Amino acid sequence: MSELDHTLKLVDEEIAKLRQKTMFCLSNYDYHHKNDEYKIIAELLLILQEAEEEGERFTRNISNLKNIIEKCRNKCAEANQLLKEFRAIRGNVTIEDKVIVNNDSFGGDDDCDQDDEANKENNS
């Protein structure tokens, strides 16, 4: 009888292990099925992919903006040079003759900046 009891005990232990594994698998399935984790992960992946694309587009736009700013600086420098040449030819230039360019945001020369005080005085 002790051998039969021993065998029954081993069988009961194996059944308990199988139940434990089965319950884990069922619980795991239920958890993922109820919470739909795979769908959530897929949606998050799509969001990350869209963010990556938007980031690349943003980087391209910043690069284009830097190129445009550099072109504006060059145009301002050209206008500044023309203004200096014009002043050299004509002497002192009146406000009507002066080309006013606001270059504060580009860090350009003072000659390219708009002078509001001078405009108010000359227009009065």
PDB file of N, CA and C in Angstrom:
ATOM      1  N   MET A   1       0.786  -1.185   0.000  1.00  0.00           N
ATOM      2  CA  MET A   1       0.000   0.000   0.000  1.00  0.00           C
ATOM      3  C   MET A   1       0.835   1.259   0.000  1.00  0.00           C
ATOM      4  N   SER A   2       1.909   1.208   0.637  1.00  0.00           N
ATOM      5  CA  SER A   2       2.737   2.398   0.678  1.00  0.00           C
ATOM      6  C   SER A   2       3.253   2.761  -0.706  1.00  0.00           C
ATOM      7  N   GLU A   3       3.479   1.737  -1.539  1.00  0.00           N
ATOM      8  CA  GLU A   3       3.927   2.027  -2.905  1.00  0.00           C
ATOM      9  C   GLU A   3       2.790   2.675  -3.687  1.00  0.00           C
ATOM     10  N   LEU A   4       1.582   2.214  -3.483  1.00  0.00           N
ATOM     11  CA  LEU A   4       0.422   2.795  -4.140  1.00  0.00           C
ATOM     12  C   LEU A   4       0.196   4.227  -3.645  1.00  0.00           C
ATOM     13  N   ASP A   5       0.340   4.441  -2.352  1.00  0.00           N
ATOM     14  CA  ASP A   5       0.220   5.796  -1.799  1.00  0.00           C
ATOM     15  C   ASP A   5       1.294   6.717  -2.373  1.00  0.00           C
ATOM     16  N   HIS A   6       2.487   6.174  -2.488  1.00  0.00           N
ATOM     17  CA  HIS A   6       3.593   6.956  -3.041  1.00  0.00           C
ATOM     18  C   HIS A   6       3.297   7.330  -4.495  1.00  0.00           C
ATOM     19  N   THR A   7       2.799   6.390  -5.280  1.00  0.00           N
ATOM     20  CA  THR A   7       2.468   6.635  -6.682  1.00  0.00           C
ATOM     21  C   THR A   7       1.329   7.653  -6.779  1.00  0.00           C
ATOM     22  N   LEU A   8       0.320   7.514  -5.938  1.00  0.00           N
ATOM     23  CA  LEU A   8      -0.784   8.475  -5.935  1.00  0.00           C
ATOM     24  C   LEU A   8      -0.302   9.881  -5.565  1.00  0.00           C
ATOM     25  N   LYS A   9       0.613   9.927  -4.627  1.00  0.00           N
ATOM     26  CA  LYS A   9       1.181  11.219  -4.227  1.00  0.00           C
ATOM     27  C   LYS A   9       1.926  11.850  -5.394  1.00  0.00           C
ATOM     28  N   LEU A  10       2.723  11.064  -6.135  1.00  0.00           N
ATOM     29  CA  LEU A  10       3.445  11.570  -7.307  1.00  0.00           C
ATOM     30  C   LEU A  10       2.466  12.032  -8.390  1.00  0.00           C
ATOM     31  N   VAL A  11       1.415  11.253  -8.596  1.00  0.00           N
ATOM     32  CA  VAL A  11       0.411  11.624  -9.594  1.00  0.00           C
ATOM     33  C   VAL A  11      -0.276  12.925  -9.173  1.00  0.00           C
ATOM     34  N   ASP A  12      -0.615  13.035  -7.903  1.00  0.00           N
ATOM     35  CA  ASP A  12      -1.231  14.270  -7.405  1.00  0.00           C
ATOM     36  C   ASP A  12      -0.300  15.474  -7.588  1.00  0.00           C
ATOM     37  N   GLU A  13       0.985  15.286  -7.348  1.00  0.00           N
ATOM     38  CA  GLU A  13       1.962  16.365  -7.540  1.00  0.00           C
ATOM     39  C   GLU A  13       2.038  16.759  -9.010  1.00  0.00           C
ATOM     40  N   GLU A  14       2.047  15.785  -9.910  1.00  0.00           N
ATOM     41  CA  GLU A  14       2.091  16.074 -11.347  1.00  0.00           C
ATOM     42  C   GLU A  14       0.815  16.799 -11.785  1.00  0.00           C
ATOM     43  N   ILE A  15      -0.314  16.346 -11.248  1.00  0.00           N
ATOM     44  CA  ILE A  15      -1.584  17.009 -11.573  1.00  0.00           C
ATOM     45  C   ILE A  15      -1.563  18.454 -11.071  1.00  0.00           C
ATOM     46  N   ALA A  16      -1.033  18.669  -9.889  1.00  0.00           N
ATOM     47  CA  ALA A  16      -0.942  20.028  -9.337  1.00  0.00           C
ATOM     48  C   ALA A  16      -0.044  20.899 -10.209  1.00  0.00           C
ATOM     49  N   LYS A  17       1.083  20.329 -10.676  1.00  0.00           N
ATOM     50  CA  LYS A  17       1.987  21.091 -11.559  1.00  0.00           C
ATOM     51  C   LYS A  17       1.287  21.432 -12.867  1.00  0.00           C
ATOM     52  N   LEU A  18       0.585  20.439 -13.436  1.00  0.00           N
ATOM     53  CA  LEU A  18      -0.128  20.683 -14.691  1.00  0.00           C
ATOM     54  C   LEU A  18      -1.225  21.737 -14.512  1.00  0.00           C
ATOM     55  N   ARG A  19      -1.942  21.659 -13.397  1.00  0.00           N
ATOM     56  CA  ARG A  19      -2.975  22.667 -13.113  1.00  0.00           C
ATOM     57  C   ARG A  19      -2.353  24.060 -12.998  1.00  0.00           C
ATOM     58  N   GLN A  20      -1.207  24.094 -12.319  1.00  0.00           N
ATOM     59  CA  GLN A  20      -0.521  25.374 -12.150  1.00  0.00           C
ATOM     60  C   GLN A  20      -0.116  25.940 -13.508  1.00  0.00           C
ATOM     61  N   LYS A  21       0.483  25.100 -14.356  1.00  0.00           N
ATOM     62  CA  LYS A  21       0.885  25.552 -15.696  1.00  0.00           C
ATOM     63  C   LYS A  21      -0.333  25.946 -16.514  1.00  0.00           C
ATOM     64  N   THR A  22      -1.390  25.128 -16.425  1.00  0.00           N
ATOM     65  CA  THR A  22      -2.601  25.421 -17.183  1.00  0.00           C
ATOM     66  C   THR A  22      -3.239  26.721 -16.703  1.00  0.00           C
ATOM     67  N   MET A  23      -3.293  26.905 -15.407  1.00  0.00           N
ATOM     68  CA  MET A  23      -3.866  28.137 -14.863  1.00  0.00           C
ATOM     69  C   MET A  23      -3.036  29.348 -15.273  1.00  0.00           C
ATOM     70  N   PHE A  24      -1.720  29.187 -15.286  1.00  0.00           N
ATOM     71  CA  PHE A  24      -0.866  30.290 -15.719  1.00  0.00           C
ATOM     72  C   PHE A  24      -1.167  30.631 -17.166  1.00  0.00           C
ATOM     73  N   CYS A  25      -1.245  29.606 -18.013  1.00  0.00           N
ATOM     74  CA  CYS A  25      -1.524  29.848 -19.432  1.00  0.00           C
ATOM     75  C   CYS A  25      -2.893  30.489 -19.617  1.00  0.00           C
ATOM     76  N   LEU A  26      -3.896  29.972 -18.907  1.00  0.00           N
ATOM     77  CA  LEU A  26      -5.238  30.546 -19.017  1.00  0.00           C
ATOM     78  C   LEU A  26      -5.278  31.970 -18.480  1.00  0.00           C
ATOM     79  N   SER A  27      -4.633  32.184 -17.357  1.00  0.00           N
ATOM     80  CA  SER A  27      -4.596  33.531 -16.782  1.00  0.00           C
ATOM     81  C   SER A  27      -3.863  34.489 -17.710  1.00  0.00           C
ATOM     82  N   ASN A  28      -2.765  34.021 -18.280  1.00  0.00           N
ATOM     83  CA  ASN A  28      -1.985  34.836 -19.203  1.00  0.00           C
ATOM     84  C   ASN A  28      -2.832  35.188 -20.427  1.00  0.00           C
ATOM     85  N   TYR A  29      -3.536  34.201 -20.965  1.00  0.00           N
ATOM     86  CA  TYR A  29      -4.397  34.449 -22.120  1.00  0.00           C
ATOM     87  C   TYR A  29      -5.496  35.442 -21.756  1.00  0.00           C
ATOM     88  N   ASP A  30      -6.144  35.198 -20.618  1.00  0.00           N
ATOM     89  CA  ASP A  30      -7.219  36.095 -20.186  1.00  0.00           C
ATOM     90  C   ASP A  30      -6.713  37.519 -20.007  1.00  0.00           C
ATOM     91  N   TYR A  31      -5.553  37.646 -19.414  1.00  0.00           N
ATOM     92  CA  TYR A  31      -4.993  38.978 -19.170  1.00  0.00           C
ATOM     93  C   TYR A  31      -4.782  39.706 -20.492  1.00  0.00           C
ATOM     94  N   HIS A  32      -4.104  39.033 -21.434  1.00  0.00           N
ATOM     95  CA  HIS A  32      -3.826  39.679 -22.720  1.00  0.00           C
ATOM     96  C   HIS A  32      -5.108  39.887 -23.523  1.00  0.00           C
ATOM     97  N   HIS A  33      -6.022  38.930 -23.410  1.00  0.00           N
ATOM     98  CA  HIS A  33      -7.265  39.058 -24.155  1.00  0.00           C
ATOM     99  C   HIS A  33      -8.109  40.207 -23.600  1.00  0.00           C
ATOM    100  N   LYS A  34      -8.218  40.288 -22.292  1.00  0.00           N
ATOM    101  CA  LYS A  34      -9.026  41.344 -21.675  1.00  0.00           C
ATOM    102  C   LYS A  34      -8.394  42.712 -21.885  1.00  0.00           C
ATOM    103  N   ASN A  35      -7.106  42.802 -21.715  1.00  0.00           N
ATOM    104  CA  ASN A  35      -6.431  44.093 -21.821  1.00  0.00           C
ATOM    105  C   ASN A  35      -6.001  44.417 -23.246  1.00  0.00           C
ATOM    106  N   ASP A  36      -6.108  43.452 -24.109  1.00  0.00           N
ATOM    107  CA  ASP A  36      -5.768  43.637 -25.526  1.00  0.00           C
ATOM    108  C   ASP A  36      -4.393  44.295 -25.684  1.00  0.00           C
ATOM    109  N   GLU A  37      -3.435  43.757 -24.958  1.00  0.00           N
ATOM    110  CA  GLU A  37      -2.102  44.366 -24.938  1.00  0.00           C
ATOM    111  C   GLU A  37      -1.450  44.419 -26.308  1.00  0.00           C
ATOM    112  N   TYR A  38      -1.648  43.387 -27.104  1.00  0.00           N
ATOM    113  CA  TYR A  38      -1.008  43.375 -28.415  1.00  0.00           C
ATOM    114  C   TYR A  38      -1.551  44.497 -29.290  1.00  0.00           C
ATOM    115  N   LYS A  39      -2.843  44.755 -29.178  1.00  0.00           N
ATOM    116  CA  LYS A  39      -3.430  45.864 -29.931  1.00  0.00           C
ATOM    117  C   LYS A  39      -2.886  47.194 -29.418  1.00  0.00           C
ATOM    118  N   ILE A  40      -2.779  47.312 -28.103  1.00  0.00           N
ATOM    119  CA  ILE A  40      -2.246  48.541 -27.503  1.00  0.00           C
ATOM    120  C   ILE A  40      -0.808  48.767 -27.948  1.00  0.00           C
ATOM    121  N   ILE A  41      -0.010  47.696 -27.937  1.00  0.00           N
ATOM    122  CA  ILE A  41       1.388  47.806 -28.365  1.00  0.00           C
ATOM    123  C   ILE A  41       1.461  48.180 -29.842  1.00  0.00           C
ATOM    124  N   ALA A  42       0.594  47.592 -30.671  1.00  0.00           N
ATOM    125  CA  ALA A  42       0.574  47.926 -32.099  1.00  0.00           C
ATOM    126  C   ALA A  42       0.212  49.395 -32.305  1.00  0.00           C
ATOM    127  N   GLU A  43      -0.759  49.892 -31.530  1.00  0.00           N
ATOM    128  CA  GLU A  43      -1.139  51.308 -31.635  1.00  0.00           C
ATOM    129  C   GLU A  43      -0.001  52.220 -31.194  1.00  0.00           C
ATOM    130  N   LEU A  44       0.686  51.839 -30.123  1.00  0.00           N
ATOM    131  CA  LEU A  44       1.836  52.631 -29.675  1.00  0.00           C
ATOM    132  C   LEU A  44       2.943  52.628 -30.719  1.00  0.00           C
ATOM    133  N   LEU A  45       3.143  51.490 -31.365  1.00  0.00           N
ATOM    134  CA  LEU A  45       4.148  51.403 -32.423  1.00  0.00           C
ATOM    135  C   LEU A  45       3.801  52.351 -33.563  1.00  0.00           C
ATOM    136  N   LEU A  46       2.530  52.393 -33.944  1.00  0.00           N
ATOM    137  CA  LEU A  46       2.108  53.324 -34.997  1.00  0.00           C
ATOM    138  C   LEU A  46       2.343  54.776 -34.588  1.00  0.00           C
ATOM    139  N   ILE A  47       2.045  55.089 -33.347  1.00  0.00           N
ATOM    140  CA  ILE A  47       2.269  56.454 -32.853  1.00  0.00           C
ATOM    141  C   ILE A  47       3.750  56.806 -32.921  1.00  0.00           C
ATOM    142  N   LEU A  48       4.604  55.868 -32.506  1.00  0.00           N
ATOM    143  CA  LEU A  48       6.047  56.119 -32.552  1.00  0.00           C
ATOM    144  C   LEU A  48       6.541  56.273 -33.984  1.00  0.00           C
ATOM    145  N   GLN A  49       6.007  55.472 -34.898  1.00  0.00           N
ATOM    146  CA  GLN A  49       6.412  55.591 -36.301  1.00  0.00           C
ATOM    147  C   GLN A  49       5.984  56.937 -36.879  1.00  0.00           C
ATOM    148  N   GLU A  50       4.775  57.377 -36.550  1.00  0.00           N
ATOM    149  CA  GLU A  50       4.316  58.687 -37.013  1.00  0.00           C
ATOM    150  C   GLU A  50       5.168  59.804 -36.419  1.00  0.00           C
ATOM    151  N   ALA A  51       5.525  59.661 -35.151  1.00  0.00           N
ATOM    152  CA  ALA A  51       6.372  60.671 -34.506  1.00  0.00           C
ATOM    153  C   ALA A  51       7.739  60.720 -35.170  1.00  0.00           C
ATOM    154  N   GLU A  52       8.255  59.564 -35.558  1.00  0.00           N
ATOM    155  CA  GLU A  52       9.551  59.529 -36.235  1.00  0.00           C
ATOM    156  C   GLU A  52       9.469  60.255 -37.574  1.00  0.00           C
ATOM    157  N   GLU A  53       8.396  60.000 -38.334  1.00  0.00           N
ATOM    158  CA  GLU A  53       8.217  60.678 -39.617  1.00  0.00           C
ATOM    159  C   GLU A  53       8.076  62.186 -39.424  1.00  0.00           C
ATOM    160  N   GLU A  54       7.287  62.586 -38.436  1.00  0.00           N
ATOM    161  CA  GLU A  54       7.111  64.012 -38.162  1.00  0.00           C
ATOM    162  C   GLU A  54       8.428  64.650 -37.723  1.00  0.00           C
ATOM    163  N   GLY A  55       9.214  63.912 -36.950  1.00  0.00           N
ATOM    164  CA  GLY A  55      10.519  64.412 -36.516  1.00  0.00           C
ATOM    165  C   GLY A  55      11.443  64.643 -37.696  1.00  0.00           C
ATOM    166  N   GLU A  56      11.424  63.705 -38.648  1.00  0.00           N
ATOM    167  CA  GLU A  56      12.249  63.871 -39.849  1.00  0.00           C
ATOM    168  C   GLU A  56      11.776  65.073 -40.659  1.00  0.00           C
ATOM    169  N   ARG A  57      10.460  65.236 -40.784  1.00  0.00           N
ATOM    170  CA  ARG A  57       9.913  66.380 -41.521  1.00  0.00           C
ATOM    171  C   ARG A  57      10.280  67.685 -40.811  1.00  0.00           C
ATOM    172  N   PHE A  58      10.190  67.692 -39.485  1.00  0.00           N
ATOM    173  CA  PHE A  58      10.554  68.870 -38.703  1.00  0.00           C
ATOM    174  C   PHE A  58      12.028  69.215 -38.914  1.00  0.00           C
ATOM    175  N   THR A  59      12.887  68.199 -38.914  1.00  0.00           N
ATOM    176  CA  THR A  59      14.317  68.425 -39.128  1.00  0.00           C
ATOM    177  C   THR A  59      14.565  69.020 -40.508  1.00  0.00           C
ATOM    178  N   ARG A  60      13.867  68.506 -41.529  1.00  0.00           N
ATOM    179  CA  ARG A  60      14.018  69.064 -42.882  1.00  0.00           C
ATOM    180  C   ARG A  60      13.551  70.517 -42.917  1.00  0.00           C
ATOM    181  N   ASN A  61      12.427  70.805 -42.247  1.00  0.00           N
ATOM    182  CA  ASN A  61      11.916  72.180 -42.226  1.00  0.00           C
ATOM    183  C   ASN A  61      12.886  73.128 -41.528  1.00  0.00           C
ATOM    184  N   ILE A  62      13.486  72.675 -40.438  1.00  0.00           N
ATOM    185  CA  ILE A  62      14.482  73.494 -39.733  1.00  0.00           C
ATOM    186  C   ILE A  62      15.675  73.756 -40.644  1.00  0.00           C
ATOM    187  N   SER A  63      16.115  72.718 -41.356  1.00  0.00           N
ATOM    188  CA  SER A  63      17.245  72.875 -42.272  1.00  0.00           C
ATOM    189  C   SER A  63      16.904  73.879 -43.371  1.00  0.00           C
ATOM    190  N   ASN A  64      15.699  73.770 -43.939  1.00  0.00           N
ATOM    191  CA  ASN A  64      15.269  74.722 -44.967  1.00  0.00           C
ATOM    192  C   ASN A  64      15.192  76.138 -44.405  1.00  0.00           C
ATOM    193  N   LEU A  65      14.693  76.253 -43.192  1.00  0.00           N
ATOM    194  CA  LEU A  65      14.600  77.564 -42.552  1.00  0.00           C
ATOM    195  C   LEU A  65      15.984  78.174 -42.342  1.00  0.00           C
ATOM    196  N   LYS A  66      16.949  77.357 -41.938  1.00  0.00           N
ATOM    197  CA  LYS A  66      18.319  77.853 -41.774  1.00  0.00           C
ATOM    198  C   LYS A  66      18.873  78.351 -43.103  1.00  0.00           C
ATOM    199  N   ASN A  67      18.590  77.620 -44.191  1.00  0.00           N
ATOM    200  CA  ASN A  67      19.051  78.048 -45.515  1.00  0.00           C
ATOM    201  C   ASN A  67      18.407  79.373 -45.915  1.00  0.00           C
ATOM    202  N   ILE A  68      17.121  79.520 -45.641  1.00  0.00           N
ATOM    203  CA  ILE A  68      16.421  80.766 -45.970  1.00  0.00           C
ATOM    204  C   ILE A  68      16.993  81.930 -45.164  1.00  0.00           C
ATOM    205  N   ILE A  69      17.265  81.696 -43.883  1.00  0.00           N
ATOM    206  CA  ILE A  69      17.849  82.747 -43.039  1.00  0.00           C
ATOM    207  C   ILE A  69      19.217  83.147 -43.570  1.00  0.00           C
ATOM    208  N   GLU A  70      20.007  82.177 -43.988  1.00  0.00           N
ATOM    209  CA  GLU A  70      21.333  82.482 -44.541  1.00  0.00           C
ATOM    210  C   GLU A  70      21.201  83.301 -45.826  1.00  0.00           C
ATOM    211  N   LYS A  71      20.233  82.957 -46.681  1.00  0.00           N
ATOM    212  CA  LYS A  71      20.004  83.733 -47.905  1.00  0.00           C
ATOM    213  C   LYS A  71      19.587  85.160 -47.558  1.00  0.00           C
ATOM    214  N   CYS A  72      18.730  85.296 -46.537  1.00  0.00           N
ATOM    215  CA  CYS A  72      18.302  86.638 -46.107  1.00  0.00           C
ATOM    216  C   CYS A  72      19.487  87.453 -45.598  1.00  0.00           C
ATOM    217  N   ARG A  73      20.354  86.814 -44.853  1.00  0.00           N
ATOM    218  CA  ARG A  73      21.555  87.516 -44.373  1.00  0.00           C
ATOM    219  C   ARG A  73      22.405  87.988 -45.546  1.00  0.00           C
ATOM    220  N   ASN A  74      22.564  87.118 -46.544  1.00  0.00           N
ATOM    221  CA  ASN A  74      23.355  87.493 -47.716  1.00  0.00           C
ATOM    222  C   ASN A  74      22.704  88.649 -48.468  1.00  0.00           C
ATOM    223  N   LYS A  75      21.366  88.595 -48.632  1.00  0.00           N
ATOM    224  CA  LYS A  75      20.662  89.681 -49.318  1.00  0.00           C
ATOM    225  C   LYS A  75      20.787  90.982 -48.524  1.00  0.00           C
ATOM    226  N   CYS A  76      20.715  90.887 -47.217  1.00  0.00           N
ATOM    227  CA  CYS A  76      20.854  92.067 -46.375  1.00  0.00           C
ATOM    228  C   CYS A  76      22.262  92.652 -46.518  1.00  0.00           C
ATOM    229  N   ALA A  77      23.242  91.769 -46.553  1.00  0.00           N
ATOM    230  CA  ALA A  77      24.621  92.241 -46.725  1.00  0.00           C
ATOM    231  C   ALA A  77      24.787  92.918 -48.083  1.00  0.00           C
ATOM    232  N   GLU A  78      24.153  92.346 -49.131  1.00  0.00           N
ATOM    233  CA  GLU A  78      24.210  92.968 -50.456  1.00  0.00           C
ATOM    234  C   GLU A  78      23.525  94.333 -50.435  1.00  0.00           C
ATOM    235  N   ALA A  79      22.348  94.399 -49.809  1.00  0.00           N
ATOM    236  CA  ALA A  79      21.628  95.674 -49.724  1.00  0.00           C
ATOM    237  C   ALA A  79      22.435  96.689 -48.926  1.00  0.00           C
ATOM    238  N   ASN A  80      23.078  96.243 -47.886  1.00  0.00           N
ATOM    239  CA  ASN A  80      23.911  97.106 -47.061  1.00  0.00           C
ATOM    240  C   ASN A  80      25.069  97.666 -47.882  1.00  0.00           C
ATOM    241  N   GLN A  81      25.687  96.807 -48.681  1.00  0.00           N
ATOM    242  CA  GLN A  81      26.803  97.244 -49.523  1.00  0.00           C
ATOM    243  C   GLN A  81      26.321  98.256 -50.561  1.00  0.00           C
ATOM    244  N   LEU A  82      25.171  97.988 -51.177  1.00  0.00           N
ATOM    245  CA  LEU A  82      24.618  98.934 -52.153  1.00  0.00           C
ATOM    246  C   LEU A  82      24.292 100.274 -51.497  1.00  0.00           C
ATOM    247  N   LEU A  83      23.759 100.230 -50.292  1.00  0.00           N
ATOM    248  CA  LEU A  83      23.443 101.452 -49.565  1.00  0.00           C
ATOM    249  C   LEU A  83      24.710 102.245 -49.257  1.00  0.00           C
ATOM    250  N   LYS A  84      25.771 101.561 -48.872  1.00  0.00           N
ATOM    251  CA  LYS A  84      27.046 102.248 -48.609  1.00  0.00           C
ATOM    252  C   LYS A  84      27.589 102.890 -49.881  1.00  0.00           C
ATOM    253  N   GLU A  85      27.487 102.154 -51.005  1.00  0.00           N
ATOM    254  CA  GLU A  85      27.954 102.712 -52.283  1.00  0.00           C
ATOM    255  C   GLU A  85      27.106 103.924 -52.677  1.00  0.00           C
ATOM    256  N   PHE A  86      25.801 103.824 -52.467  1.00  0.00           N
ATOM    257  CA  PHE A  86      24.898 104.921 -52.780  1.00  0.00           C
ATOM    258  C   PHE A  86      25.220 106.142 -51.935  1.00  0.00           C
ATOM    259  N   ARG A  87      25.486 105.916 -50.641  1.00  0.00           N
ATOM    260  CA  ARG A  87      25.854 107.020 -49.751  1.00  0.00           C
ATOM    261  C   ARG A  87      27.166 107.666 -50.193  1.00  0.00           C
ATOM    262  N   ALA A  88      28.087 106.839 -50.632  1.00  0.00           N
ATOM    263  CA  ALA A  88      29.376 107.379 -51.073  1.00  0.00           C
ATOM    264  C   ALA A  88      29.188 108.259 -52.310  1.00  0.00           C
ATOM    265  N   ILE A  89      28.273 107.869 -53.181  1.00  0.00           N
ATOM    266  CA  ILE A  89      28.032 108.636 -54.405  1.00  0.00           C
ATOM    267  C   ILE A  89      27.236 109.905 -54.108  1.00  0.00           C
ATOM    268  N   ARG A  90      26.179 109.809 -53.321  1.00  0.00           N
ATOM    269  CA  ARG A  90      25.262 110.914 -53.093  1.00  0.00           C
ATOM    270  C   ARG A  90      25.499 111.695 -51.839  1.00  0.00           C
ATOM    271  N   GLY A  91      26.320 111.214 -50.988  1.00  0.00           N
ATOM    272  CA  GLY A  91      26.496 111.884 -49.710  1.00  0.00           C
ATOM    273  C   GLY A  91      25.477 111.354 -48.720  1.00  0.00           C
ATOM    274  N   ASN A  92      24.936 112.231 -47.907  1.00  0.00           N
ATOM    275  CA  ASN A  92      23.976 111.817 -46.890  1.00  0.00           C
ATOM    276  C   ASN A  92      22.630 111.511 -47.549  1.00  0.00           C
ATOM    277  N   VAL A  93      22.032 110.393 -47.219  1.00  0.00           N
ATOM    278  CA  VAL A  93      20.796 109.936 -47.848  1.00  0.00           C
ATOM    279  C   VAL A  93      19.609 110.315 -46.968  1.00  0.00           C
ATOM    280  N   THR A  94      18.540 110.802 -47.606  1.00  0.00           N
ATOM    281  CA  THR A  94      17.322 111.100 -46.851  1.00  0.00           C
ATOM    282  C   THR A  94      16.542 109.809 -46.622  1.00  0.00           C
ATOM    283  N   ILE A  95      15.557 109.896 -45.745  1.00  0.00           N
ATOM    284  CA  ILE A  95      14.787 108.700 -45.392  1.00  0.00           C
ATOM    285  C   ILE A  95      14.009 108.174 -46.590  1.00  0.00           C
ATOM    286  N   GLU A  96      13.597 109.047 -47.518  1.00  0.00           N
ATOM    287  CA  GLU A  96      12.867 108.598 -48.701  1.00  0.00           C
ATOM    288  C   GLU A  96      13.757 107.759 -49.610  1.00  0.00           C
ATOM    289  N   ASP A  97      15.054 108.021 -49.607  1.00  0.00           N
ATOM    290  CA  ASP A  97      15.976 107.277 -50.462  1.00  0.00           C
ATOM    291  C   ASP A  97      16.451 105.979 -49.817  1.00  0.00           C
ATOM    292  N   LYS A  98      16.297 105.878 -48.528  1.00  0.00           N
ATOM    293  CA  LYS A  98      16.873 104.741 -47.797  1.00  0.00           C
ATOM    294  C   LYS A  98      15.961 103.514 -47.897  1.00  0.00           C
ATOM    295  N   VAL A  99      16.544 102.384 -48.195  1.00  0.00           N
ATOM    296  CA  VAL A  99      15.815 101.119 -48.190  1.00  0.00           C
ATOM    297  C   VAL A  99      15.884 100.593 -46.772  1.00  0.00           C
ATOM    298  N   ILE A 100      14.711 100.390 -46.163  1.00  0.00           N
ATOM    299  CA  ILE A 100      14.678  99.972 -44.763  1.00  0.00           C
ATOM    300  C   ILE A 100      14.420  98.472 -44.710  1.00  0.00           C
ATOM    301  N   VAL A 101      15.318  97.784 -44.050  1.00  0.00           N
ATOM    302  CA  VAL A 101      15.182  96.336 -43.883  1.00  0.00           C
ATOM    303  C   VAL A 101      15.329  96.044 -42.407  1.00  0.00           C
ATOM    304  N   ASN A 102      14.391  95.307 -41.842  1.00  0.00           N
ATOM    305  CA  ASN A 102      14.470  94.926 -40.430  1.00  0.00           C
ATOM    306  C   ASN A 102      15.247  93.631 -40.334  1.00  0.00           C
ATOM    307  N   ASN A 103      16.436  93.712 -39.743  1.00  0.00           N
ATOM    308  CA  ASN A 103      17.323  92.551 -39.672  1.00  0.00           C
ATOM    309  C   ASN A 103      17.614  92.156 -38.233  1.00  0.00           C
ATOM    310  N   ASP A 104      16.787  92.604 -37.269  1.00  0.00           N
ATOM    311  CA  ASP A 104      17.059  92.313 -35.856  1.00  0.00           C
ATOM    312  C   ASP A 104      17.161  90.827 -35.592  1.00  0.00           C
ATOM    313  N   SER A 105      16.259  90.033 -36.161  1.00  0.00           N
ATOM    314  CA  SER A 105      16.224  88.604 -35.844  1.00  0.00           C
ATOM    315  C   SER A 105      17.355  87.835 -36.495  1.00  0.00           C
ATOM    316  N   PHE A 106      18.037  88.436 -37.449  1.00  0.00           N
ATOM    317  CA  PHE A 106      19.128  87.732 -38.115  1.00  0.00           C
ATOM    318  C   PHE A 106      20.493  88.130 -37.582  1.00  0.00           C
ATOM    319  N   GLY A 107      20.552  89.090 -36.727  1.00  0.00           N
ATOM    320  CA  GLY A 107      21.828  89.514 -36.164  1.00  0.00           C
ATOM    321  C   GLY A 107      22.705  90.234 -37.170  1.00  0.00           C
ATOM    322  N   GLY A 108      22.089  90.983 -38.095  1.00  0.00           N
ATOM    323  CA  GLY A 108      22.847  91.651 -39.149  1.00  0.00           C
ATOM    324  C   GLY A 108      23.420  92.980 -38.700  1.00  0.00           C
ATOM    325  N   ASP A 109      23.907  93.747 -39.677  1.00  0.00           N
ATOM    326  CA  ASP A 109      24.517  95.043 -39.395  1.00  0.00           C
ATOM    327  C   ASP A 109      23.454  96.060 -39.014  1.00  0.00           C
ATOM    328  N   ASP A 110      23.885  97.114 -38.322  1.00  0.00           N
ATOM    329  CA  ASP A 110      22.960  98.157 -37.894  1.00  0.00           C
ATOM    330  C   ASP A 110      22.371  98.915 -39.075  1.00  0.00           C
ATOM    331  N   ASP A 111      23.108  99.000 -40.189  1.00  0.00           N
ATOM    332  CA  ASP A 111      22.605  99.724 -41.350  1.00  0.00           C
ATOM    333  C   ASP A 111      21.376  99.043 -41.936  1.00  0.00           C
ATOM    334  N   CYS A 112      21.211  97.777 -41.663  1.00  0.00           N
ATOM    335  CA  CYS A 112      20.092  97.023 -42.211  1.00  0.00           C
ATOM    336  C   CYS A 112      18.906  97.022 -41.263  1.00  0.00           C
ATOM    337  N   ASP A 113      19.037  97.614 -40.094  1.00  0.00           N
ATOM    338  CA  ASP A 113      17.957  97.628 -39.112  1.00  0.00           C
ATOM    339  C   ASP A 113      17.042  98.810 -39.374  1.00  0.00           C
ATOM    340  N   GLN A 114      15.766  98.616 -39.071  1.00  0.00           N
ATOM    341  CA  GLN A 114      14.808  99.704 -39.231  1.00  0.00           C
ATOM    342  C   GLN A 114      14.948 100.654 -38.057  1.00  0.00           C
ATOM    343  N   ASP A 115      15.013 101.950 -38.367  1.00  0.00           N
ATOM    344  CA  ASP A 115      15.193 102.957 -37.333  1.00  0.00           C
ATOM    345  C   ASP A 115      13.883 103.709 -37.183  1.00  0.00           C
ATOM    346  N   ASP A 116      13.043 103.287 -36.233  1.00  0.00           N
ATOM    347  CA  ASP A 116      11.725 103.885 -36.044  1.00  0.00           C
ATOM    348  C   ASP A 116      11.809 105.350 -35.635  1.00  0.00           C
ATOM    349  N   GLU A 117      12.767 105.696 -34.800  1.00  0.00           N
ATOM    350  CA  GLU A 117      12.894 107.082 -34.347  1.00  0.00           C
ATOM    351  C   GLU A 117      13.197 108.011 -35.522  1.00  0.00           C
ATOM    352  N   ALA A 118      14.100 107.594 -36.398  1.00  0.00           N
ATOM    353  CA  ALA A 118      14.450 108.424 -37.555  1.00  0.00           C
ATOM    354  C   ALA A 118      13.248 108.571 -38.476  1.00  0.00           C
ATOM    355  N   ASN A 119      12.473 107.501 -38.639  1.00  0.00           N
ATOM    356  CA  ASN A 119      11.277 107.574 -39.482  1.00  0.00           C
ATOM    357  C   ASN A 119      10.281 108.579 -38.923  1.00  0.00           C
ATOM    358  N   LYS A 120      10.061 108.568 -37.610  1.00  0.00           N
ATOM    359  CA  LYS A 120       9.107 109.482 -36.994  1.00  0.00           C
ATOM    360  C   LYS A 120       9.559 110.931 -37.153  1.00  0.00           C
ATOM    361  N   GLU A 121      10.872 111.167 -36.953  1.00  0.00           N
ATOM    362  CA  GLU A 121      11.393 112.531 -37.050  1.00  0.00           C
ATOM    363  C   GLU A 121      11.324 113.040 -38.485  1.00  0.00           C
ATOM    364  N   ASN A 122      11.700 112.202 -39.450  1.00  0.00           N
ATOM    365  CA  ASN A 122      11.722 112.639 -40.846  1.00  0.00           C
ATOM    366  C   ASN A 122      10.325 112.757 -41.445  1.00  0.00           C
ATOM    367  N   ASN A 123       9.386 111.967 -40.958  1.00  0.00           N
ATOM    368  CA  ASN A 123       8.028 112.020 -41.493  1.00  0.00           C
ATOM    369  C   ASN A 123       7.203 113.130 -40.851  1.00  0.00           C
ATOM    370  N   SER A 124       7.704 113.758 -39.790  1.00  0.00           N
ATOM    371  CA  SER A 124       6.955 114.819 -39.093  1.00  0.00           C
ATOM    372  C   SER A 124       7.059 116.132 -39.820  1.00  0.00           C
TER     373      SER A 124
END
